[in-house]
Amino acid sequence: IEVDIPLVKSYLAQFAARAVIAELVSVAELAHPLENGNHFPLFLLCLQQASKLKDREWLTDLFQQSKVNMQKMLPGMSSS
């Protein structure tokens, strides 16, 4: 899809980050469909956008509370 819409992952990441900030979706809810590297690096882009839109300390606390396993978010790191 990025061939047809350049930077689509960046736009989607910013949209998702805004949804997390507005508490419309949790970090865990955002992470679930992206586990095992699905649509990599979308989850990382979301975190990056959230850190730009809100302070990094807030994001760190929110991420730690989510208990998302970052290894599960990478390609080729299926849960064992």
N, C-alpha and C. Protein backbone atom coordinates (compact mmCIF):
# COMPACT_ATOMS: atom_id res chain seq x y z
N ILE A 1 0.82 -1.21 0.00
CA ILE A 1 0.00 0.00 0.00
C ILE A 1 0.86 1.26 0.00
N GLU A 2 2.10 1.18 0.50
CA GLU A 2 2.97 2.36 0.52
C GLU A 2 3.37 2.80 -0.89
N VAL A 3 3.27 1.88 -1.85
CA VAL A 3 3.56 2.26 -3.24
C VAL A 3 2.50 3.24 -3.72
N ASP A 4 1.25 2.97 -3.37
CA ASP A 4 0.14 3.84 -3.78
C ASP A 4 0.01 5.09 -2.91
N ILE A 5 0.32 4.95 -1.62
CA ILE A 5 0.18 6.07 -0.68
C ILE A 5 1.49 6.21 0.09
N PRO A 6 2.39 7.06 -0.41
CA PRO A 6 3.67 7.24 0.29
C PRO A 6 3.44 7.69 1.75
N LEU A 7 4.25 7.18 2.63
CA LEU A 7 4.22 7.53 4.05
C LEU A 7 2.93 7.12 4.76
N VAL A 8 2.20 6.15 4.22
CA VAL A 8 0.94 5.74 4.84
C VAL A 8 1.15 5.28 6.28
N LYS A 9 2.24 4.57 6.55
CA LYS A 9 2.50 4.11 7.92
C LYS A 9 2.75 5.28 8.86
N SER A 10 3.40 6.30 8.37
CA SER A 10 3.64 7.49 9.20
C SER A 10 2.34 8.20 9.54
N TYR A 11 1.46 8.32 8.55
CA TYR A 11 0.16 8.96 8.79
C TYR A 11 -0.68 8.13 9.76
N LEU A 12 -0.68 6.82 9.55
CA LEU A 12 -1.44 5.93 10.43
C LEU A 12 -0.88 5.96 11.84
N ALA A 13 0.44 6.01 11.96
CA ALA A 13 1.09 6.08 13.28
C ALA A 13 0.68 7.34 14.02
N GLN A 14 0.62 8.46 13.31
CA GLN A 14 0.23 9.70 13.97
C GLN A 14 -1.23 9.64 14.42
N PHE A 15 -2.08 9.08 13.59
CA PHE A 15 -3.49 8.91 13.94
C PHE A 15 -3.64 8.01 15.17
N ALA A 16 -2.92 6.88 15.18
CA ALA A 16 -2.98 5.96 16.31
C ALA A 16 -2.42 6.60 17.58
N ALA A 17 -1.34 7.35 17.45
CA ALA A 17 -0.76 8.03 18.62
C ALA A 17 -1.76 9.02 19.21
N ARG A 18 -2.45 9.73 18.36
CA ARG A 18 -3.46 10.68 18.84
C ARG A 18 -4.61 9.95 19.54
N ALA A 19 -4.96 8.77 19.05
CA ALA A 19 -6.01 7.96 19.68
C ALA A 19 -5.57 7.49 21.07
N VAL A 20 -4.31 7.12 21.21
CA VAL A 20 -3.78 6.71 22.52
C VAL A 20 -3.79 7.89 23.47
N ILE A 21 -3.33 9.04 23.00
CA ILE A 21 -3.29 10.24 23.84
C ILE A 21 -4.68 10.65 24.29
N ALA A 22 -5.66 10.51 23.40
CA ALA A 22 -7.05 10.87 23.72
C ALA A 22 -7.75 9.77 24.51
N GLU A 23 -7.03 8.70 24.84
CA GLU A 23 -7.56 7.56 25.59
C GLU A 23 -8.72 6.87 24.87
N LEU A 24 -8.68 6.88 23.55
CA LEU A 24 -9.67 6.15 22.75
C LEU A 24 -9.26 4.70 22.59
N VAL A 25 -7.97 4.44 22.71
CA VAL A 25 -7.42 3.10 22.60
C VAL A 25 -6.21 3.02 23.54
N SER A 26 -6.00 1.86 24.13
CA SER A 26 -4.84 1.70 25.02
C SER A 26 -3.62 1.23 24.21
N VAL A 27 -2.46 1.35 24.81
CA VAL A 27 -1.24 0.87 24.16
C VAL A 27 -1.35 -0.63 23.90
N ALA A 28 -1.90 -1.37 24.86
CA ALA A 28 -2.05 -2.82 24.69
C ALA A 28 -3.01 -3.14 23.55
N GLU A 29 -4.11 -2.40 23.46
CA GLU A 29 -5.07 -2.62 22.37
C GLU A 29 -4.44 -2.30 21.02
N LEU A 30 -3.64 -1.27 20.98
CA LEU A 30 -2.94 -0.91 19.75
C LEU A 30 -1.92 -1.98 19.38
N ALA A 31 -1.24 -2.51 20.37
CA ALA A 31 -0.16 -3.48 20.13
C ALA A 31 -0.68 -4.84 19.65
N HIS A 32 -1.81 -5.27 20.16
CA HIS A 32 -2.27 -6.64 19.89
C HIS A 32 -2.26 -7.03 18.41
N PRO A 33 -2.89 -6.27 17.51
CA PRO A 33 -2.88 -6.71 16.11
C PRO A 33 -1.53 -6.54 15.42
N LEU A 34 -0.59 -5.89 16.09
CA LEU A 34 0.72 -5.64 15.50
C LEU A 34 1.79 -6.59 16.03
N GLU A 35 1.38 -7.55 16.87
CA GLU A 35 2.34 -8.51 17.42
C GLU A 35 2.98 -9.33 16.31
N ASN A 36 4.13 -9.92 16.61
CA ASN A 36 4.91 -10.74 15.69
C ASN A 36 5.39 -9.94 14.48
N GLY A 37 5.50 -8.64 14.66
CA GLY A 37 6.03 -7.80 13.60
C GLY A 37 5.04 -7.48 12.49
N ASN A 38 3.75 -7.76 12.71
CA ASN A 38 2.76 -7.41 11.69
C ASN A 38 2.82 -5.91 11.43
N HIS A 39 2.99 -5.56 10.18
CA HIS A 39 3.05 -4.17 9.72
C HIS A 39 4.23 -3.41 10.34
N PHE A 40 5.28 -4.15 10.69
CA PHE A 40 6.49 -3.53 11.24
C PHE A 40 6.96 -2.42 10.31
N PRO A 41 7.37 -1.29 10.79
CA PRO A 41 7.59 -0.82 12.16
C PRO A 41 6.45 0.07 12.67
N LEU A 42 5.23 -0.25 12.33
CA LEU A 42 4.10 0.63 12.68
C LEU A 42 4.00 0.90 14.18
N PHE A 43 4.16 -0.12 15.01
CA PHE A 43 4.05 0.10 16.46
C PHE A 43 5.12 1.06 16.94
N LEU A 44 6.33 0.90 16.47
CA LEU A 44 7.42 1.80 16.87
C LEU A 44 7.16 3.22 16.38
N LEU A 45 6.61 3.35 15.18
CA LEU A 45 6.27 4.67 14.67
C LEU A 45 5.19 5.33 15.53
N CYS A 46 4.24 4.53 16.01
CA CYS A 46 3.19 5.06 16.89
C CYS A 46 3.80 5.60 18.18
N LEU A 47 4.71 4.85 18.76
CA LEU A 47 5.37 5.31 19.98
C LEU A 47 6.17 6.59 19.71
N GLN A 48 6.85 6.62 18.59
CA GLN A 48 7.64 7.80 18.22
C GLN A 48 6.73 9.02 18.07
N GLN A 49 5.61 8.86 17.40
CA GLN A 49 4.69 9.98 17.22
C GLN A 49 4.11 10.43 18.56
N ALA A 50 3.77 9.47 19.42
CA ALA A 50 3.23 9.83 20.73
C ALA A 50 4.25 10.61 21.55
N SER A 51 5.52 10.24 21.43
CA SER A 51 6.56 10.96 22.19
C SER A 51 6.75 12.38 21.66
N LYS A 52 6.43 12.61 20.39
CA LYS A 52 6.52 13.96 19.82
C LYS A 52 5.31 14.81 20.23
N LEU A 53 4.16 14.16 20.37
CA LEU A 53 2.93 14.88 20.69
C LEU A 53 2.74 15.13 22.18
N LYS A 54 3.33 14.27 22.98
CA LYS A 54 3.20 14.40 24.44
C LYS A 54 4.58 14.11 25.01
N ASP A 55 4.83 14.40 26.25
CA ASP A 55 6.20 14.24 26.75
C ASP A 55 6.59 12.77 26.91
N ARG A 56 7.88 12.55 26.83
CA ARG A 56 8.44 11.19 26.82
C ARG A 56 8.20 10.46 28.14
N GLU A 57 8.24 11.18 29.25
CA GLU A 57 8.01 10.56 30.57
C GLU A 57 6.59 9.99 30.64
N TRP A 58 5.62 10.74 30.14
CA TRP A 58 4.23 10.27 30.10
C TRP A 58 4.13 8.98 29.29
N LEU A 59 4.78 8.98 28.14
CA LEU A 59 4.75 7.80 27.27
C LEU A 59 5.43 6.60 27.92
N THR A 60 6.55 6.84 28.57
CA THR A 60 7.27 5.76 29.26
C THR A 60 6.39 5.13 30.33
N ASP A 61 5.74 5.95 31.13
CA ASP A 61 4.84 5.43 32.17
C ASP A 61 3.69 4.65 31.56
N LEU A 62 3.08 5.20 30.52
CA LEU A 62 1.95 4.54 29.87
C LEU A 62 2.37 3.21 29.27
N PHE A 63 3.53 3.18 28.63
CA PHE A 63 4.02 1.95 28.01
C PHE A 63 4.31 0.89 29.08
N GLN A 64 4.94 1.28 30.17
CA GLN A 64 5.25 0.32 31.23
C GLN A 64 3.98 -0.24 31.85
N GLN A 65 2.96 0.59 32.02
CA GLN A 65 1.68 0.13 32.57
C GLN A 65 0.98 -0.84 31.63
N SER A 66 1.22 -0.70 30.33
CA SER A 66 0.56 -1.56 29.33
C SER A 66 1.05 -3.00 29.38
N LYS A 67 2.26 -3.20 29.90
CA LYS A 67 2.88 -4.52 29.99
C LYS A 67 3.05 -5.18 28.61
N VAL A 68 3.16 -4.37 27.56
CA VAL A 68 3.41 -4.89 26.22
C VAL A 68 4.84 -5.42 26.18
N ASN A 69 5.00 -6.63 25.67
CA ASN A 69 6.32 -7.23 25.51
C ASN A 69 6.89 -6.76 24.18
N MET A 70 7.91 -5.91 24.25
CA MET A 70 8.46 -5.31 23.04
C MET A 70 9.04 -6.36 22.09
N GLN A 71 9.53 -7.46 22.61
CA GLN A 71 10.07 -8.51 21.73
C GLN A 71 8.99 -9.09 20.83
N LYS A 72 7.76 -9.14 21.33
CA LYS A 72 6.65 -9.66 20.52
C LYS A 72 6.28 -8.72 19.39
N MET A 73 6.76 -7.50 19.44
CA MET A 73 6.42 -6.51 18.42
C MET A 73 7.37 -6.54 17.23
N LEU A 74 8.44 -7.31 17.34
CA LEU A 74 9.46 -7.35 16.28
C LEU A 74 9.20 -8.53 15.34
N PRO A 75 9.58 -8.36 14.07
CA PRO A 75 9.41 -9.46 13.12
C PRO A 75 10.26 -10.66 13.52
N GLY A 76 9.71 -11.84 13.34
CA GLY A 76 10.46 -13.07 13.63
C GLY A 76 10.61 -13.40 15.10
N MET A 77 9.88 -12.70 15.97
CA MET A 77 10.01 -12.95 17.41
C MET A 77 8.69 -13.50 17.94
N SER A 78 8.19 -14.55 17.33
CA SER A 78 6.90 -15.10 17.74
C SER A 78 6.95 -15.53 19.19
N SER A 79 5.79 -15.46 19.83
CA SER A 79 5.71 -15.78 21.26
C SER A 79 6.00 -17.27 21.47
N SER A 80 6.73 -17.54 22.54
CA SER A 80 7.06 -18.94 22.83
C SER A 80 6.64 -19.31 24.22
